[in-house]
Structure formats: C-alpha cells, structure tokens
Amino acid sequence: MELERILIVEDDAAFADYLRRGLTYEGYEAHSVASAEAGLTAVRAVEPRAIILDIMLAGMDGLAACRALRQSGYAGPVLMLTARDGIGDRVAGLDSGADDYLPKPFEFDELLARLRALRRRCPGADGNGVLTAGDITLDEKRFIICRAERVLSLTRVEIALLAALMRPPRGVRTRDELLAAVWGHDHTGDDKVLDVTISRLRARLGQPDPIRTLHGVGYRLANPSDD
C-alpha cells in the first residue's frame, strides 16, 4: 500500500530530522527540505497529502511560502509551525492560507493529532485506496471525490474514468486503454461514448480544466508544468 506523503519545510536540520523520523515511524512517507523555495519545487515532485511549514525560514518566510503554495494551486492541508505564539501571528498564518497553526515547542502526539484532523477535512482521504492528483482526491472504496476540499457528485462511470486517468504511472491514456478500463475489453459500441463522458467529467470537475486532450491519441491529467 502506498504511504501518505508529508512534506516538511524546516530550515533547522536537527528539528526537521526529528519530524521526518517521527513521521516515518508512524507510517508516513516523510520528505524534508530546508527552504521555502525548495518546498515550492518539491510540491510538484512529491505531491504531498499535507505540508508542515515553519514560519521562520531564511529567505522567503513561511507566510510568503504559504501564499505562493495557494496561488500555485496546492489545495492540501498546510500546518504552520512557529516559535511565535501571539494572536497576531496566528491570524497572519491563517490569513496566508494555512489550515492550522502549532506553536513550538509542542508534543509530537499533538502534531499527529493535528495532521489527522486536517486529513479529515476531505472525507475519505485516509490513505487507503485513495488516489490523488493535484487538488483532486478520489476514494475508490467509498466513491468520494473531492476537488480543493469540495465534495463532488459523479456517476460510477465518471468515477471509473477519472480513476483510470489518476492511477499511477500518470501519463497519457490511449482511447483504447480508457474504453477497456471503463467499459471492458469486449466493448463494441461507439467509442464516442468516451468523448461524451470526458465532456461530462470536465463539467463536474470545474475550472481550471484538469484534463488534457491529445488529438488522435487519448487523454491525460494536467501537470504543473503545463502552466
């Protein structure tokens, strides 16, 4: 089973290592970087389920980093860490786009509890049978789909098509591959059903359109580099 990925953005190397080892022990796949700039780059490669972001970073601070994350389209939970615990600091952190705020020092059990609470904001995102792509989350077991934490209503056929596009390895899915995945290998009907379902799926997912058409080939989900 694929582990839930957590990205830690923390410039205190010893503390970052403490968090990474603790989260790994608890069953997460934890990645750490030492700057906001590296964090913004790592989001595209890691596609984390949640981000732990220190506010006091050299160079770009955590507040600016969180705003940049949201502007880039990252919609997952952001837990902000800081040694500053004033009301104004908490308000600034939340206003920058963070979902929660944890002052240092803290008990590791509280960090885990905050992460669990943040993960529950999108129903069904429990790391078990859950597909993620950008700001889209699909729970294949419970048929719950979220985009940017908004729960969507899709038909079973639309869910099957979205899942086929989201499953790793991500990339181009040919028309024949999608027809077989959704309607079966023995499908003999008009393949225009695929185009119609893609059109309905796009409408339900909303903007920006996450599906790219490769004419004469098939479809794929958008990558951050497309922008």
C-alpha atoms as a PDB file:
ATOM      1  CA  MET A   1       0.000   0.000   0.000  1.00  0.00           C
ATOM      2  CA  GLU A   2       1.323   3.439  -0.904  1.00  0.00           C
ATOM      3  CA  LEU A   3       2.150   5.543   2.155  1.00  0.00           C
ATOM      4  CA  GLU A   4       0.741   9.015   2.691  1.00  0.00           C
ATOM      5  CA  ARG A   5       3.327  11.604   1.752  1.00  0.00           C
ATOM      6  CA  ILE A   6       4.079  14.535   4.062  1.00  0.00           C
ATOM      7  CA  LEU A   7       6.373  17.401   3.053  1.00  0.00           C
ATOM      8  CA  ILE A   8       8.292  19.161   5.847  1.00  0.00           C
ATOM      9  CA  VAL A   9       9.648  22.656   5.115  1.00  0.00           C
ATOM     10  CA  GLU A  10      12.009  23.425   8.019  1.00  0.00           C
ATOM     11  CA  ASP A  11      15.481  25.040   7.997  1.00  0.00           C
ATOM     12  CA  ASP A  12      16.519  23.672  11.405  1.00  0.00           C
ATOM     13  CA  ALA A  13      18.198  20.472  10.206  1.00  0.00           C
ATOM     14  CA  ALA A  14      18.040  18.685  13.569  1.00  0.00           C
ATOM     15  CA  PHE A  15      14.366  19.513  14.099  1.00  0.00           C
ATOM     16  CA  ALA A  16      13.480  18.573  10.515  1.00  0.00           C
ATOM     17  CA  ASP A  17      15.211  15.218  11.016  1.00  0.00           C
ATOM     18  CA  TYR A  18      13.277  14.708  14.268  1.00  0.00           C
ATOM     19  CA  LEU A  19       9.983  15.326  12.472  1.00  0.00           C
ATOM     20  CA  ARG A  20      10.910  13.178   9.494  1.00  0.00           C
ATOM     21  CA  ARG A  21      11.985  10.215  11.638  1.00  0.00           C
ATOM     22  CA  GLY A  22       8.922  10.501  13.856  1.00  0.00           C
ATOM     23  CA  LEU A  23       6.509  10.630  10.929  1.00  0.00           C
ATOM     24  CA  THR A  24       8.272   7.746   9.218  1.00  0.00           C
ATOM     25  CA  TYR A  25       7.935   5.692  12.386  1.00  0.00           C
ATOM     26  CA  GLU A  26       4.198   6.492  12.420  1.00  0.00           C
ATOM     27  CA  GLY A  27       3.785   5.120   8.902  1.00  0.00           C
ATOM     28  CA  TYR A  28       4.049   8.223   6.739  1.00  0.00           C
ATOM     29  CA  GLU A  29       6.364   8.798   3.793  1.00  0.00           C
ATOM     30  CA  ALA A  30       8.068  11.961   5.030  1.00  0.00           C
ATOM     31  CA  HIS A  31      10.180  14.293   2.880  1.00  0.00           C
ATOM     32  CA  SER A  32      12.001  17.378   4.175  1.00  0.00           C
ATOM     33  CA  VAL A  33      13.522  20.460   2.556  1.00  0.00           C
ATOM     34  CA  ALA A  34      15.327  23.390   4.159  1.00  0.00           C
ATOM     35  CA  SER A  35      13.854  26.421   2.363  1.00  0.00           C
ATOM     36  CA  ALA A  36      10.582  27.784   1.076  1.00  0.00           C
ATOM     37  CA  GLU A  37      11.949  27.889  -2.448  1.00  0.00           C
ATOM     38  CA  ALA A  38      12.891  24.196  -2.265  1.00  0.00           C
ATOM     39  CA  GLY A  39       9.466  23.443  -0.797  1.00  0.00           C
ATOM     40  CA  LEU A  40       7.641  25.043  -3.721  1.00  0.00           C
ATOM     41  CA  THR A  41       9.661  22.910  -6.101  1.00  0.00           C
ATOM     42  CA  ALA A  42       9.265  19.734  -4.021  1.00  0.00           C
ATOM     43  CA  VAL A  43       5.456  20.005  -4.015  1.00  0.00           C
ATOM     44  CA  ARG A  44       5.408  19.151  -7.721  1.00  0.00           C
ATOM     45  CA  ALA A  45       7.684  16.131  -7.316  1.00  0.00           C
ATOM     46  CA  VAL A  46       6.338  14.768  -4.014  1.00  0.00           C
ATOM     47  CA  GLU A  47       2.604  15.615  -4.410  1.00  0.00           C
ATOM     48  CA  PRO A  48       2.194  15.581  -0.615  1.00  0.00           C
ATOM     49  CA  ARG A  49      -1.083  14.862   1.153  1.00  0.00           C
ATOM     50  CA  ALA A  50      -0.168  17.569   3.690  1.00  0.00           C
ATOM     51  CA  ILE A  51       2.617  20.105   4.312  1.00  0.00           C
ATOM     52  CA  ILE A  52       4.274  21.029   7.617  1.00  0.00           C
ATOM     53  CA  LEU A  53       5.635  24.540   7.114  1.00  0.00           C
ATOM     54  CA  ASP A  54       7.831  26.511   9.508  1.00  0.00           C
ATOM     55  CA  ILE A  55       7.066  30.227   9.533  1.00  0.00           C
ATOM     56  CA  MET A  56      10.617  31.380  10.409  1.00  0.00           C
ATOM     57  CA  LEU A  57      12.563  30.453   7.281  1.00  0.00           C
ATOM     58  CA  ALA A  58      15.619  32.183   5.865  1.00  0.00           C
ATOM     59  CA  GLY A  59      14.885  33.953   2.596  1.00  0.00           C
ATOM     60  CA  MET A  60      11.205  33.578   1.774  1.00  0.00           C
ATOM     61  CA  ASP A  61       9.381  33.099   5.071  1.00  0.00           C
ATOM     62  CA  GLY A  62       6.560  30.653   5.753  1.00  0.00           C
ATOM     63  CA  LEU A  63       3.814  33.240   5.282  1.00  0.00           C
ATOM     64  CA  ALA A  64       5.001  34.132   1.782  1.00  0.00           C
ATOM     65  CA  ALA A  65       5.582  30.460   1.021  1.00  0.00           C
ATOM     66  CA  CYS A  66       2.039  29.545   2.035  1.00  0.00           C
ATOM     67  CA  ARG A  67       0.579  32.284  -0.141  1.00  0.00           C
ATOM     68  CA  ALA A  68       2.709  31.063  -3.055  1.00  0.00           C
ATOM     69  CA  LEU A  69       1.533  27.485  -2.470  1.00  0.00           C
ATOM     70  CA  ARG A  70      -2.114  28.522  -2.658  1.00  0.00           C
ATOM     71  CA  GLN A  71      -1.515  30.695  -5.711  1.00  0.00           C
ATOM     72  CA  SER A  72       0.158  27.742  -7.439  1.00  0.00           C
ATOM     73  CA  GLY A  73      -2.986  25.655  -6.909  1.00  0.00           C
ATOM     74  CA  TYR A  74      -1.926  23.457  -3.984  1.00  0.00           C
ATOM     75  CA  ALA A  75      -5.118  22.731  -2.042  1.00  0.00           C
ATOM     76  CA  GLY A  76      -3.928  20.203   0.533  1.00  0.00           C
ATOM     77  CA  PRO A  77      -3.692  20.879   4.265  1.00  0.00           C
ATOM     78  CA  VAL A  78      -0.893  23.173   5.492  1.00  0.00           C
ATOM     79  CA  LEU A  79       0.115  23.017   9.167  1.00  0.00           C
ATOM     80  CA  MET A  80       2.231  26.022  10.120  1.00  0.00           C
ATOM     81  CA  LEU A  81       4.863  25.801  12.860  1.00  0.00           C
ATOM     82  CA  THR A  82       6.402  28.757  14.681  1.00  0.00           C
ATOM     83  CA  ALA A  83       8.107  29.827  17.882  1.00  0.00           C
ATOM     84  CA  ARG A  84       5.871  32.931  17.890  1.00  0.00           C
ATOM     85  CA  ASP A  85       2.548  32.417  19.633  1.00  0.00           C
ATOM     86  CA  GLY A  86       0.834  35.807  19.615  1.00  0.00           C
ATOM     87  CA  ILE A  87      -2.723  36.215  18.343  1.00  0.00           C
ATOM     88  CA  GLY A  88      -1.465  38.438  15.543  1.00  0.00           C
ATOM     89  CA  ASP A  89       0.977  35.757  14.454  1.00  0.00           C
ATOM     90  CA  ARG A  90      -1.761  33.127  14.379  1.00  0.00           C
ATOM     91  CA  VAL A  91      -4.055  35.393  12.370  1.00  0.00           C
ATOM     92  CA  ALA A  92      -1.252  36.150   9.890  1.00  0.00           C
ATOM     93  CA  GLY A  93      -0.557  32.439   9.456  1.00  0.00           C
ATOM     94  CA  LEU A  94      -4.188  31.565   8.837  1.00  0.00           C
ATOM     95  CA  ASP A  95      -4.709  34.553   6.555  1.00  0.00           C
ATOM     96  CA  SER A  96      -1.760  33.424   4.427  1.00  0.00           C
ATOM     97  CA  GLY A  97      -3.633  30.202   3.637  1.00  0.00           C
ATOM     98  CA  ALA A  98      -2.562  27.834   6.422  1.00  0.00           C
ATOM     99  CA  ASP A  99      -5.197  25.445   7.768  1.00  0.00           C
ATOM    100  CA  ASP A 100      -3.826  25.188  11.291  1.00  0.00           C
ATOM    101  CA  TYR A 101      -1.122  26.718  13.472  1.00  0.00           C
ATOM    102  CA  LEU A 102       1.042  24.885  16.021  1.00  0.00           C
ATOM    103  CA  PRO A 103       3.401  26.883  18.263  1.00  0.00           C
ATOM    104  CA  LYS A 104       6.787  25.468  19.298  1.00  0.00           C
ATOM    105  CA  PRO A 105       7.606  23.681  21.479  1.00  0.00           C
ATOM    106  CA  PHE A 106       4.915  21.022  21.135  1.00  0.00           C
ATOM    107  CA  GLU A 107       4.405  17.359  21.906  1.00  0.00           C
ATOM    108  CA  PHE A 108       4.770  15.077  18.896  1.00  0.00           C
ATOM    109  CA  ASP A 109       1.436  13.427  19.711  1.00  0.00           C
ATOM    110  CA  GLU A 110      -0.258  16.813  19.275  1.00  0.00           C
ATOM    111  CA  LEU A 111       1.346  17.204  15.845  1.00  0.00           C
ATOM    112  CA  LEU A 112      -0.025  13.803  14.830  1.00  0.00           C
ATOM    113  CA  ALA A 113      -3.485  14.717  16.135  1.00  0.00           C
ATOM    114  CA  ARG A 114      -3.457  17.979  14.163  1.00  0.00           C
ATOM    115  CA  LEU A 115      -2.461  16.116  10.997  1.00  0.00           C
ATOM    116  CA  ARG A 116      -5.259  13.573  11.475  1.00  0.00           C
ATOM    117  CA  ALA A 117      -7.780  16.383  11.956  1.00  0.00           C
ATOM    118  CA  LEU A 118      -6.592  18.167   8.818  1.00  0.00           C
ATOM    119  CA  ARG A 119      -6.778  14.976   6.749  1.00  0.00           C
ATOM    120  CA  ARG A 120     -10.401  14.504   7.800  1.00  0.00           C
ATOM    121  CA  ARG A 121     -11.357  17.806   6.179  1.00  0.00           C
ATOM    122  CA  CYS A 122     -11.722  15.947   2.886  1.00  0.00           C
ATOM    123  CA  PRO A 123     -13.939  12.904   3.653  1.00  0.00           C
ATOM    124  CA  GLY A 124     -12.460   9.523   2.844  1.00  0.00           C
ATOM    125  CA  ALA A 125      -8.885  10.769   2.419  1.00  0.00           C
ATOM    126  CA  ASP A 126      -7.481   8.142   4.756  1.00  0.00           C
ATOM    127  CA  GLY A 127      -4.538   6.958   2.637  1.00  0.00           C
ATOM    128  CA  ASN A 128      -6.175   3.581   1.978  1.00  0.00           C
ATOM    129  CA  GLY A 129      -7.400   3.145  -1.582  1.00  0.00           C
ATOM    130  CA  VAL A 130      -7.166   6.895  -2.191  1.00  0.00           C
ATOM    131  CA  LEU A 131      -5.852   8.414  -5.421  1.00  0.00           C
ATOM    132  CA  THR A 132      -4.581  11.982  -5.564  1.00  0.00           C
ATOM    133  CA  ALA A 133      -3.644  14.215  -8.491  1.00  0.00           C
ATOM    134  CA  GLY A 134      -3.059  17.892  -7.830  1.00  0.00           C
ATOM    135  CA  ASP A 135      -6.086  19.149  -5.892  1.00  0.00           C
ATOM    136  CA  ILE A 136      -8.260  16.128  -6.806  1.00  0.00           C
ATOM    137  CA  THR A 137      -8.759  13.265  -4.331  1.00  0.00           C
ATOM    138  CA  LEU A 138     -10.644  10.074  -5.184  1.00  0.00           C
ATOM    139  CA  ASP A 139     -11.513   7.438  -2.595  1.00  0.00           C
ATOM    140  CA  GLU A 140     -12.086   4.323  -4.701  1.00  0.00           C
ATOM    141  CA  LYS A 141     -13.563   2.305  -1.837  1.00  0.00           C
ATOM    142  CA  ARG A 142     -16.164   4.830  -0.725  1.00  0.00           C
ATOM    143  CA  PHE A 143     -16.696   6.591  -4.069  1.00  0.00           C
ATOM    144  CA  ILE A 144     -15.964  10.016  -2.587  1.00  0.00           C
ATOM    145  CA  ILE A 145     -14.361  12.617  -4.831  1.00  0.00           C
ATOM    146  CA  CYS A 146     -13.031  15.978  -3.684  1.00  0.00           C
ATOM    147  CA  ARG A 147     -11.515  18.867  -5.549  1.00  0.00           C
ATOM    148  CA  ALA A 148      -9.924  21.618  -3.451  1.00  0.00           C
ATOM    149  CA  GLU A 149     -11.795  20.109  -0.452  1.00  0.00           C
ATOM    150  CA  ARG A 150     -15.151  20.437  -2.280  1.00  0.00           C
ATOM    151  CA  VAL A 151     -17.038  17.141  -2.446  1.00  0.00           C
ATOM    152  CA  LEU A 152     -18.217  16.342  -5.983  1.00  0.00           C
ATOM    153  CA  SER A 153     -21.124  14.219  -7.216  1.00  0.00           C
ATOM    154  CA  LEU A 154     -20.093  11.881 -10.055  1.00  0.00           C
ATOM    155  CA  THR A 155     -21.690   8.839 -11.648  1.00  0.00           C
ATOM    156  CA  ARG A 156     -19.977   5.449 -11.324  1.00  0.00           C
ATOM    157  CA  VAL A 157     -18.859   5.622 -14.974  1.00  0.00           C
ATOM    158  CA  GLU A 158     -17.377   9.091 -14.464  1.00  0.00           C
ATOM    159  CA  ILE A 159     -15.598   7.863 -11.314  1.00  0.00           C
ATOM    160  CA  ALA A 160     -14.164   4.884 -13.195  1.00  0.00           C
ATOM    161  CA  LEU A 161     -12.902   7.161 -15.964  1.00  0.00           C
ATOM    162  CA  LEU A 162     -11.344   9.631 -13.513  1.00  0.00           C
ATOM    163  CA  ALA A 163      -9.667   6.772 -11.635  1.00  0.00           C
ATOM    164  CA  ALA A 164      -8.197   5.430 -14.881  1.00  0.00           C
ATOM    165  CA  LEU A 165      -6.635   8.828 -15.529  1.00  0.00           C
ATOM    166  CA  MET A 166      -5.366   9.190 -11.948  1.00  0.00           C
ATOM    167  CA  ARG A 167      -3.813   5.767 -11.387  1.00  0.00           C
ATOM    168  CA  PRO A 168      -0.013   5.605 -11.494  1.00  0.00           C
ATOM    169  CA  PRO A 169       2.048   5.724 -13.517  1.00  0.00           C
ATOM    170  CA  ARG A 170       0.472   9.010 -14.541  1.00  0.00           C
ATOM    171  CA  GLY A 171       0.646   9.846 -18.217  1.00  0.00           C
ATOM    172  CA  VAL A 172      -1.228   9.610 -21.488  1.00  0.00           C
ATOM    173  CA  ARG A 173      -4.038   7.050 -21.620  1.00  0.00           C
ATOM    174  CA  THR A 174      -4.983   5.974 -25.115  1.00  0.00           C
ATOM    175  CA  ARG A 175      -8.609   5.839 -26.140  1.00  0.00           C
ATOM    176  CA  ASP A 176      -8.490   2.037 -26.274  1.00  0.00           C
ATOM    177  CA  GLU A 177      -6.998   1.859 -22.771  1.00  0.00           C
ATOM    178  CA  LEU A 178      -9.714   4.088 -21.351  1.00  0.00           C
ATOM    179  CA  LEU A 179     -12.501   2.242 -23.149  1.00  0.00           C
ATOM    180  CA  ALA A 180     -11.192  -1.071 -21.794  1.00  0.00           C
ATOM    181  CA  ALA A 181     -10.745   0.279 -18.253  1.00  0.00           C
ATOM    182  CA  VAL A 182     -14.251   1.763 -18.040  1.00  0.00           C
ATOM    183  CA  TRP A 183     -16.445  -0.251 -20.439  1.00  0.00           C
ATOM    184  CA  GLY A 184     -14.492  -3.513 -20.623  1.00  0.00           C
ATOM    185  CA  HIS A 185     -12.142  -5.148 -23.102  1.00  0.00           C
ATOM    186  CA  ASP A 186     -15.071  -6.527 -25.106  1.00  0.00           C
ATOM    187  CA  HIS A 187     -16.658  -3.106 -25.675  1.00  0.00           C
ATOM    188  CA  THR A 188     -18.064  -3.000 -29.205  1.00  0.00           C
ATOM    189  CA  GLY A 189     -20.168   0.162 -29.053  1.00  0.00           C
ATOM    190  CA  ASP A 190     -19.485   3.606 -30.473  1.00  0.00           C
ATOM    191  CA  ASP A 191     -16.254   4.964 -28.977  1.00  0.00           C
ATOM    192  CA  LYS A 192     -17.836   8.437 -28.925  1.00  0.00           C
ATOM    193  CA  VAL A 193     -19.167   7.413 -25.512  1.00  0.00           C
ATOM    194  CA  LEU A 194     -15.660   8.170 -24.233  1.00  0.00           C
ATOM    195  CA  ASP A 195     -15.743  11.730 -25.577  1.00  0.00           C
ATOM    196  CA  VAL A 196     -19.201  12.335 -24.115  1.00  0.00           C
ATOM    197  CA  THR A 197     -18.144  11.041 -20.695  1.00  0.00           C
ATOM    198  CA  ILE A 198     -14.941  13.106 -20.773  1.00  0.00           C
ATOM    199  CA  SER A 199     -17.053  16.178 -21.514  1.00  0.00           C
ATOM    200  CA  ARG A 200     -19.387  15.447 -18.576  1.00  0.00           C
ATOM    201  CA  LEU A 201     -16.426  14.763 -16.285  1.00  0.00           C
ATOM    202  CA  ARG A 202     -14.815  18.070 -17.217  1.00  0.00           C
ATOM    203  CA  ALA A 203     -18.048  19.903 -16.405  1.00  0.00           C
ATOM    204  CA  ARG A 204     -18.312  18.234 -12.995  1.00  0.00           C
ATOM    205  CA  LEU A 205     -14.659  18.857 -12.087  1.00  0.00           C
ATOM    206  CA  GLY A 206     -14.897  22.545 -12.964  1.00  0.00           C
ATOM    207  CA  GLN A 207     -12.161  25.027 -13.732  1.00  0.00           C
ATOM    208  CA  PRO A 208      -9.288  25.051 -14.279  1.00  0.00           C
ATOM    209  CA  ASP A 209      -9.823  22.095 -16.622  1.00  0.00           C
ATOM    210  CA  PRO A 210      -7.603  19.249 -15.331  1.00  0.00           C
ATOM    211  CA  ILE A 211      -7.940  17.037 -18.447  1.00  0.00           C
ATOM    212  CA  ARG A 212      -5.724  17.423 -21.495  1.00  0.00           C
ATOM    213  CA  THR A 213      -6.692  16.084 -24.941  1.00  0.00           C
ATOM    214  CA  LEU A 214      -4.078  14.583 -27.235  1.00  0.00           C
ATOM    215  CA  HIS A 215      -5.929  14.502 -30.547  1.00  0.00           C
ATOM    216  CA  GLY A 216      -5.881  11.100 -32.181  1.00  0.00           C
ATOM    217  CA  VAL A 217      -4.191   9.555 -29.142  1.00  0.00           C
ATOM    218  CA  GLY A 218      -6.130   9.929 -25.894  1.00  0.00           C
ATOM    219  CA  TYR A 219      -6.226  11.925 -22.675  1.00  0.00           C
ATOM    220  CA  ARG A 220      -4.130  12.706 -19.648  1.00  0.00           C
ATOM    221  CA  LEU A 221      -4.386  14.768 -16.486  1.00  0.00           C
ATOM    222  CA  ALA A 222      -2.699  18.157 -16.417  1.00  0.00           C
ATOM    223  CA  ASN A 223       0.793  18.514 -14.981  1.00  0.00           C
ATOM    224  CA  PRO A 224       2.077  21.600 -13.086  1.00  0.00           C
ATOM    225  CA  SER A 225       4.498  22.207 -15.989  1.00  0.00           C
ATOM    226  CA  ASP A 226       1.510  22.704 -18.353  1.00  0.00           C
ATOM    227  CA  ASP A 227       1.075  26.152 -16.902  1.00  0.00           C
END
